[in-house]
Amino acid sequence: MTLRDRIAALEQQRAPSEPELILIRGGLTEFDDTRATIGSDTLTRGADETFAAFKARALAHATATGAGCVYIGGLPS
């Protein structure tokens, strides 16, 4: 079972009422606030879009698709 499978199983057990926003900072790369991962979808922040607006759009997408989490940052794909 992959880490992604384990996370998905935990998300299903938890049954959140709304998507959780997870910001991944530090590690091997600088914090990337231009990319959000929601399930198998990736959203890219617009050049003139504020970070607050980007987070709101990512959370709205997660809600619309039934995803439990939005990941912003982390390692590049």
PDB file of N, CA and C in Angstrom:
ATOM      1  N   MET A   1       0.861  -1.171   0.000  1.00  0.00           N
ATOM      2  CA  MET A   1       0.000   0.000   0.000  1.00  0.00           C
ATOM      3  C   MET A   1       0.912   1.240   0.000  1.00  0.00           C
ATOM      4  N   THR A   2       0.653   2.149  -0.914  1.00  0.00           N
ATOM      5  CA  THR A   2       1.457   3.360  -1.018  1.00  0.00           C
ATOM      6  C   THR A   2       1.052   4.374   0.043  1.00  0.00           C
ATOM      7  N   LEU A   3       1.892   5.370   0.227  1.00  0.00           N
ATOM      8  CA  LEU A   3       1.565   6.428   1.184  1.00  0.00           C
ATOM      9  C   LEU A   3       0.291   7.148   0.763  1.00  0.00           C
ATOM     10  N   ARG A   4       0.125   7.395  -0.536  1.00  0.00           N
ATOM     11  CA  ARG A   4      -1.086   8.060  -1.032  1.00  0.00           C
ATOM     12  C   ARG A   4      -2.328   7.222  -0.715  1.00  0.00           C
ATOM     13  N   ASP A   5      -2.229   5.891  -0.855  1.00  0.00           N
ATOM     14  CA  ASP A   5      -3.351   5.000  -0.517  1.00  0.00           C
ATOM     15  C   ASP A   5      -3.673   5.061   0.975  1.00  0.00           C
ATOM     16  N   ARG A   6      -2.636   5.111   1.794  1.00  0.00           N
ATOM     17  CA  ARG A   6      -2.845   5.192   3.245  1.00  0.00           C
ATOM     18  C   ARG A   6      -3.534   6.501   3.626  1.00  0.00           C
ATOM     19  N   ILE A   7      -3.089   7.604   3.013  1.00  0.00           N
ATOM     20  CA  ILE A   7      -3.702   8.901   3.294  1.00  0.00           C
ATOM     21  C   ILE A   7      -5.165   8.894   2.875  1.00  0.00           C
ATOM     22  N   ALA A   8      -5.446   8.338   1.696  1.00  0.00           N
ATOM     23  CA  ALA A   8      -6.827   8.275   1.211  1.00  0.00           C
ATOM     24  C   ALA A   8      -7.697   7.454   2.160  1.00  0.00           C
ATOM     25  N   ALA A   9      -7.172   6.342   2.668  1.00  0.00           N
ATOM     26  CA  ALA A   9      -7.931   5.504   3.602  1.00  0.00           C
ATOM     27  C   ALA A   9      -8.217   6.258   4.901  1.00  0.00           C
ATOM     28  N   LEU A  10      -7.226   6.996   5.407  1.00  0.00           N
ATOM     29  CA  LEU A  10      -7.436   7.787   6.621  1.00  0.00           C
ATOM     30  C   LEU A  10      -8.443   8.897   6.395  1.00  0.00           C
ATOM     31  N   GLU A  11      -8.385   9.533   5.225  1.00  0.00           N
ATOM     32  CA  GLU A  11      -9.344  10.593   4.911  1.00  0.00           C
ATOM     33  C   GLU A  11     -10.764  10.054   4.899  1.00  0.00           C
ATOM     34  N   GLN A  12     -10.962   8.859   4.358  1.00  0.00           N
ATOM     35  CA  GLN A  12     -12.296   8.268   4.300  1.00  0.00           C
ATOM     36  C   GLN A  12     -12.802   7.905   5.689  1.00  0.00           C
ATOM     37  N   GLN A  13     -11.920   7.451   6.575  1.00  0.00           N
ATOM     38  CA  GLN A  13     -12.320   7.108   7.942  1.00  0.00           C
ATOM     39  C   GLN A  13     -12.735   8.344   8.722  1.00  0.00           C
ATOM     40  N   ARG A  14     -12.049   9.440   8.482  1.00  0.00           N
ATOM     41  CA  ARG A  14     -12.267  10.664   9.231  1.00  0.00           C
ATOM     42  C   ARG A  14     -13.554  11.351   8.831  1.00  0.00           C
ATOM     43  N   ALA A  15     -13.977  11.234   7.585  1.00  0.00           N
ATOM     44  CA  ALA A  15     -15.194  11.845   7.050  1.00  0.00           C
ATOM     45  C   ALA A  15     -15.335  13.316   7.453  1.00  0.00           C
ATOM     46  N   PRO A  16     -14.471  14.176   6.947  1.00  0.00           N
ATOM     47  CA  PRO A  16     -14.533  15.593   7.326  1.00  0.00           C
ATOM     48  C   PRO A  16     -15.795  16.268   6.789  1.00  0.00           C
ATOM     49  N   SER A  17     -16.227  17.295   7.501  1.00  0.00           N
ATOM     50  CA  SER A  17     -17.387  18.049   7.050  1.00  0.00           C
ATOM     51  C   SER A  17     -16.998  19.042   5.955  1.00  0.00           C
ATOM     52  N   GLU A  18     -15.729  19.428   5.940  1.00  0.00           N
ATOM     53  CA  GLU A  18     -15.216  20.297   4.885  1.00  0.00           C
ATOM     54  C   GLU A  18     -13.753  19.944   4.645  1.00  0.00           C
ATOM     55  N   PRO A  19     -13.226  20.255   3.470  1.00  0.00           N
ATOM     56  CA  PRO A  19     -11.840  19.894   3.168  1.00  0.00           C
ATOM     57  C   PRO A  19     -10.850  20.578   4.118  1.00  0.00           C
ATOM     58  N   GLU A  20      -9.783  19.873   4.394  1.00  0.00           N
ATOM     59  CA  GLU A  20      -8.719  20.393   5.248  1.00  0.00           C
ATOM     60  C   GLU A  20      -7.616  20.963   4.364  1.00  0.00           C
ATOM     61  N   LEU A  21      -7.074  22.101   4.747  1.00  0.00           N
ATOM     62  CA  LEU A  21      -5.981  22.732   4.016  1.00  0.00           C
ATOM     63  C   LEU A  21      -4.675  22.350   4.696  1.00  0.00           C
ATOM     64  N   ILE A  22      -3.759  21.743   3.939  1.00  0.00           N
ATOM     65  CA  ILE A  22      -2.469  21.323   4.471  1.00  0.00           C
ATOM     66  C   ILE A  22      -1.378  22.058   3.697  1.00  0.00           C
ATOM     67  N   LEU A  23      -0.606  22.873   4.420  1.00  0.00           N
ATOM     68  CA  LEU A  23       0.521  23.592   3.831  1.00  0.00           C
ATOM     69  C   LEU A  23       1.790  22.838   4.197  1.00  0.00           C
ATOM     70  N   ILE A  24       2.579  22.464   3.178  1.00  0.00           N
ATOM     71  CA  ILE A  24       3.813  21.708   3.409  1.00  0.00           C
ATOM     72  C   ILE A  24       4.987  22.638   3.163  1.00  0.00           C
ATOM     73  N   ARG A  25       5.682  22.969   4.231  1.00  0.00           N
ATOM     74  CA  ARG A  25       6.812  23.906   4.167  1.00  0.00           C
ATOM     75  C   ARG A  25       8.088  23.196   4.592  1.00  0.00           C
ATOM     76  N   GLY A  26       9.216  23.686   4.068  1.00  0.00           N
ATOM     77  CA  GLY A  26      10.508  23.159   4.481  1.00  0.00           C
ATOM     78  C   GLY A  26      10.883  21.890   3.751  1.00  0.00           C
ATOM     79  N   GLY A  27      11.956  21.302   4.168  1.00  0.00           N
ATOM     80  CA  GLY A  27      12.412  20.076   3.532  1.00  0.00           C
ATOM     81  C   GLY A  27      13.412  20.344   2.426  1.00  0.00           C
ATOM     82  N   LEU A  28      13.259  19.638   1.331  1.00  0.00           N
ATOM     83  CA  LEU A  28      14.232  19.697   0.243  1.00  0.00           C
ATOM     84  C   LEU A  28      14.047  20.887  -0.691  1.00  0.00           C
ATOM     85  N   THR A  29      12.871  21.482  -0.704  1.00  0.00           N
ATOM     86  CA  THR A  29      12.601  22.587  -1.624  1.00  0.00           C
ATOM     87  C   THR A  29      11.986  23.757  -0.871  1.00  0.00           C
ATOM     88  N   GLU A  30      12.016  24.928  -1.488  1.00  0.00           N
ATOM     89  CA  GLU A  30      11.349  26.098  -0.926  1.00  0.00           C
ATOM     90  C   GLU A  30       9.834  25.892  -0.981  1.00  0.00           C
ATOM     91  N   PHE A  31       9.103  26.607  -0.135  1.00  0.00           N
ATOM     92  CA  PHE A  31       7.646  26.530  -0.131  1.00  0.00           C
ATOM     93  C   PHE A  31       7.107  27.026  -1.468  1.00  0.00           C
ATOM     94  N   ASP A  32       6.304  26.211  -2.127  1.00  0.00           N
ATOM     95  CA  ASP A  32       5.720  26.551  -3.427  1.00  0.00           C
ATOM     96  C   ASP A  32       4.244  26.863  -3.222  1.00  0.00           C
ATOM     97  N   ASP A  33       3.915  28.150  -3.238  1.00  0.00           N
ATOM     98  CA  ASP A  33       2.519  28.548  -3.024  1.00  0.00           C
ATOM     99  C   ASP A  33       1.779  28.768  -4.334  1.00  0.00           C
ATOM    100  N   THR A  34       2.295  28.183  -5.417  1.00  0.00           N
ATOM    101  CA  THR A  34       1.673  28.356  -6.738  1.00  0.00           C
ATOM    102  C   THR A  34       0.969  27.103  -7.221  1.00  0.00           C
ATOM    103  N   ARG A  35       1.003  26.027  -6.427  1.00  0.00           N
ATOM    104  CA  ARG A  35       0.442  24.756  -6.869  1.00  0.00           C
ATOM    105  C   ARG A  35      -0.319  24.112  -5.723  1.00  0.00           C
ATOM    106  N   ALA A  36      -1.544  23.690  -6.001  1.00  0.00           N
ATOM    107  CA  ALA A  36      -2.360  22.973  -5.018  1.00  0.00           C
ATOM    108  C   ALA A  36      -2.741  21.618  -5.598  1.00  0.00           C
ATOM    109  N   THR A  37      -2.613  20.586  -4.790  1.00  0.00           N
ATOM    110  CA  THR A  37      -2.988  19.239  -5.206  1.00  0.00           C
ATOM    111  C   THR A  37      -4.251  18.842  -4.459  1.00  0.00           C
ATOM    112  N   ILE A  38      -5.257  18.446  -5.233  1.00  0.00           N
ATOM    113  CA  ILE A  38      -6.541  18.026  -4.690  1.00  0.00           C
ATOM    114  C   ILE A  38      -6.869  16.690  -5.342  1.00  0.00           C
ATOM    115  N   GLY A  39      -6.688  15.613  -4.607  1.00  0.00           N
ATOM    116  CA  GLY A  39      -6.871  14.296  -5.214  1.00  0.00           C
ATOM    117  C   GLY A  39      -5.892  14.130  -6.362  1.00  0.00           C
ATOM    118  N   SER A  40      -6.397  13.829  -7.548  1.00  0.00           N
ATOM    119  CA  SER A  40      -5.531  13.697  -8.719  1.00  0.00           C
ATOM    120  C   SER A  40      -5.446  14.990  -9.524  1.00  0.00           C
ATOM    121  N   ASP A  41      -6.119  16.043  -9.050  1.00  0.00           N
ATOM    122  CA  ASP A  41      -6.108  17.339  -9.742  1.00  0.00           C
ATOM    123  C   ASP A  41      -5.020  18.249  -9.181  1.00  0.00           C
ATOM    124  N   THR A  42      -4.467  19.085 -10.047  1.00  0.00           N
ATOM    125  CA  THR A  42      -3.509  20.103  -9.636  1.00  0.00           C
ATOM    126  C   THR A  42      -4.001  21.444 -10.137  1.00  0.00           C
ATOM    127  N   LEU A  43      -4.122  22.397  -9.218  1.00  0.00           N
ATOM    128  CA  LEU A  43      -4.491  23.761  -9.582  1.00  0.00           C
ATOM    129  C   LEU A  43      -3.243  24.625  -9.524  1.00  0.00           C
ATOM    130  N   THR A  44      -3.156  25.586 -10.429  1.00  0.00           N
ATOM    131  CA  THR A  44      -2.035  26.514 -10.471  1.00  0.00           C
ATOM    132  C   THR A  44      -2.536  27.907 -10.150  1.00  0.00           C
ATOM    133  N   ARG A  45      -1.801  28.598  -9.306  1.00  0.00           N
ATOM    134  CA  ARG A  45      -2.164  29.962  -8.905  1.00  0.00           C
ATOM    135  C   ARG A  45      -1.925  30.928 -10.057  1.00  0.00           C
ATOM    136  N   GLY A  46      -2.904  31.774 -10.320  1.00  0.00           N
ATOM    137  CA  GLY A  46      -2.789  32.769 -11.377  1.00  0.00           C
ATOM    138  C   GLY A  46      -1.750  33.829 -11.025  1.00  0.00           C
ATOM    139  N   ALA A  47      -1.168  34.453 -12.040  1.00  0.00           N
ATOM    140  CA  ALA A  47      -0.108  35.441 -11.835  1.00  0.00           C
ATOM    141  C   ALA A  47      -0.573  36.614 -10.979  1.00  0.00           C
ATOM    142  N   ASP A  48      -1.810  37.026 -11.118  1.00  0.00           N
ATOM    143  CA  ASP A  48      -2.321  38.171 -10.341  1.00  0.00           C
ATOM    144  C   ASP A  48      -3.267  37.743  -9.217  1.00  0.00           C
ATOM    145  N   GLU A  49      -3.307  36.449  -8.896  1.00  0.00           N
ATOM    146  CA  GLU A  49      -4.196  35.920  -7.870  1.00  0.00           C
ATOM    147  C   GLU A  49      -3.502  35.968  -6.503  1.00  0.00           C
ATOM    148  N   THR A  50      -4.171  36.510  -5.503  1.00  0.00           N
ATOM    149  CA  THR A  50      -3.586  36.533  -4.160  1.00  0.00           C
ATOM    150  C   THR A  50      -3.565  35.120  -3.589  1.00  0.00           C
ATOM    151  N   PHE A  51      -2.701  34.917  -2.596  1.00  0.00           N
ATOM    152  CA  PHE A  51      -2.623  33.606  -1.972  1.00  0.00           C
ATOM    153  C   PHE A  51      -3.949  33.260  -1.294  1.00  0.00           C
ATOM    154  N   ALA A  52      -4.582  34.244  -0.656  1.00  0.00           N
ATOM    155  CA  ALA A  52      -5.874  34.006  -0.009  1.00  0.00           C
ATOM    156  C   ALA A  52      -6.937  33.576  -1.025  1.00  0.00           C
ATOM    157  N   ALA A  53      -6.956  34.218  -2.176  1.00  0.00           N
ATOM    158  CA  ALA A  53      -7.919  33.858  -3.221  1.00  0.00           C
ATOM    159  C   ALA A  53      -7.620  32.463  -3.771  1.00  0.00           C
ATOM    160  N   PHE A  54      -6.342  32.138  -3.907  1.00  0.00           N
ATOM    161  CA  PHE A  54      -5.936  30.820  -4.400  1.00  0.00           C
ATOM    162  C   PHE A  54      -6.365  29.727  -3.416  1.00  0.00           C
ATOM    163  N   LYS A  55      -6.140  29.948  -2.116  1.00  0.00           N
ATOM    164  CA  LYS A  55      -6.567  28.971  -1.116  1.00  0.00           C
ATOM    165  C   LYS A  55      -8.077  28.777  -1.168  1.00  0.00           C
ATOM    166  N   ALA A  56      -8.826  29.873  -1.288  1.00  0.00           N
ATOM    167  CA  ALA A  56     -10.283  29.782  -1.345  1.00  0.00           C
ATOM    168  C   ALA A  56     -10.732  29.008  -2.576  1.00  0.00           C
ATOM    169  N   ARG A  57     -10.095  29.258  -3.716  1.00  0.00           N
ATOM    170  CA  ARG A  57     -10.444  28.545  -4.956  1.00  0.00           C
ATOM    171  C   ARG A  57     -10.114  27.057  -4.828  1.00  0.00           C
ATOM    172  N   ALA A  58      -8.973  26.736  -4.224  1.00  0.00           N
ATOM    173  CA  ALA A  58      -8.575  25.339  -4.047  1.00  0.00           C
ATOM    174  C   ALA A  58      -9.541  24.617  -3.104  1.00  0.00           C
ATOM    175  N   LEU A  59      -9.926  25.269  -2.014  1.00  0.00           N
ATOM    176  CA  LEU A  59     -10.883  24.659  -1.085  1.00  0.00           C
ATOM    177  C   LEU A  59     -12.255  24.486  -1.731  1.00  0.00           C
ATOM    178  N   ALA A  60     -12.669  25.444  -2.551  1.00  0.00           N
ATOM    179  CA  ALA A  60     -13.948  25.328  -3.258  1.00  0.00           C
ATOM    180  C   ALA A  60     -13.910  24.155  -4.234  1.00  0.00           C
ATOM    181  N   HIS A  61     -12.785  23.980  -4.906  1.00  0.00           N
ATOM    182  CA  HIS A  61     -12.625  22.849  -5.839  1.00  0.00           C
ATOM    183  C   HIS A  61     -12.699  21.528  -5.062  1.00  0.00           C
ATOM    184  N   ALA A  62     -12.033  21.480  -3.906  1.00  0.00           N
ATOM    185  CA  ALA A  62     -12.061  20.264  -3.093  1.00  0.00           C
ATOM    186  C   ALA A  62     -13.486  19.954  -2.633  1.00  0.00           C
ATOM    187  N   THR A  63     -14.208  20.960  -2.225  1.00  0.00           N
ATOM    188  CA  THR A  63     -15.595  20.766  -1.801  1.00  0.00           C
ATOM    189  C   THR A  63     -16.442  20.241  -2.953  1.00  0.00           C
ATOM    190  N   ALA A  64     -16.278  20.839  -4.125  1.00  0.00           N
ATOM    191  CA  ALA A  64     -17.068  20.441  -5.298  1.00  0.00           C
ATOM    192  C   ALA A  64     -16.767  19.015  -5.747  1.00  0.00           C
ATOM    193  N   THR A  65     -15.529  18.560  -5.546  1.00  0.00           N
ATOM    194  CA  THR A  65     -15.151  17.218  -5.998  1.00  0.00           C
ATOM    195  C   THR A  65     -15.210  16.181  -4.884  1.00  0.00           C
ATOM    196  N   GLY A  66     -15.538  16.612  -3.655  1.00  0.00           N
ATOM    197  CA  GLY A  66     -15.638  15.678  -2.546  1.00  0.00           C
ATOM    198  C   GLY A  66     -14.301  15.266  -1.959  1.00  0.00           C
ATOM    199  N   ALA A  67     -13.247  16.019  -2.241  1.00  0.00           N
ATOM    200  CA  ALA A  67     -11.919  15.701  -1.705  1.00  0.00           C
ATOM    201  C   ALA A  67     -11.841  16.114  -0.240  1.00  0.00           C
ATOM    202  N   GLY A  68     -11.065  15.379   0.543  1.00  0.00           N
ATOM    203  CA  GLY A  68     -10.939  15.673   1.958  1.00  0.00           C
ATOM    204  C   GLY A  68      -9.833  16.658   2.290  1.00  0.00           C
ATOM    205  N   CYS A  69      -8.855  16.806   1.380  1.00  0.00           N
ATOM    206  CA  CYS A  69      -7.692  17.640   1.670  1.00  0.00           C
ATOM    207  C   CYS A  69      -7.242  18.417   0.446  1.00  0.00           C
ATOM    208  N   VAL A  70      -6.623  19.556   0.727  1.00  0.00           N
ATOM    209  CA  VAL A  70      -5.932  20.363  -0.277  1.00  0.00           C
ATOM    210  C   VAL A  70      -4.492  20.473   0.209  1.00  0.00           C
ATOM    211  N   TYR A  71      -3.539  20.092  -0.631  1.00  0.00           N
ATOM    212  CA  TYR A  71      -2.126  20.191  -0.289  1.00  0.00           C
ATOM    213  C   TYR A  71      -1.520  21.333  -1.096  1.00  0.00           C
ATOM    214  N   ILE A  72      -0.881  22.262  -0.402  1.00  0.00           N
ATOM    215  CA  ILE A  72      -0.154  23.335  -1.075  1.00  0.00           C
ATOM    216  C   ILE A  72       1.283  23.266  -0.591  1.00  0.00           C
ATOM    217  N   GLY A  73       2.209  23.262  -1.536  1.00  0.00           N
ATOM    218  CA  GLY A  73       3.631  23.145  -1.197  1.00  0.00           C
ATOM    219  C   GLY A  73       4.092  21.722  -1.380  1.00  0.00           C
ATOM    220  N   GLY A  74       5.188  21.375  -0.720  1.00  0.00           N
ATOM    221  CA  GLY A  74       5.727  20.033  -0.806  1.00  0.00           C
ATOM    222  C   GLY A  74       6.686  19.872  -1.965  1.00  0.00           C
ATOM    223  N   LEU A  75       6.985  18.656  -2.272  1.00  0.00           N
ATOM    224  CA  LEU A  75       7.927  18.350  -3.350  1.00  0.00           C
ATOM    225  C   LEU A  75       7.268  18.523  -4.701  1.00  0.00           C
ATOM    226  N   PRO A  76       8.045  18.946  -5.697  1.00  0.00           N
ATOM    227  CA  PRO A  76       7.477  19.058  -7.045  1.00  0.00           C
ATOM    228  C   PRO A  76       7.053  17.685  -7.568  1.00  0.00           C
ATOM    229  N   SER A  77       6.095  17.679  -8.475  1.00  0.00           N
ATOM    230  CA  SER A  77       5.601  16.407  -9.043  1.00  0.00           C
ATOM    231  C   SER A  77       6.642  15.758  -9.920  1.00  0.00           C
TER     232      SER A  77
END
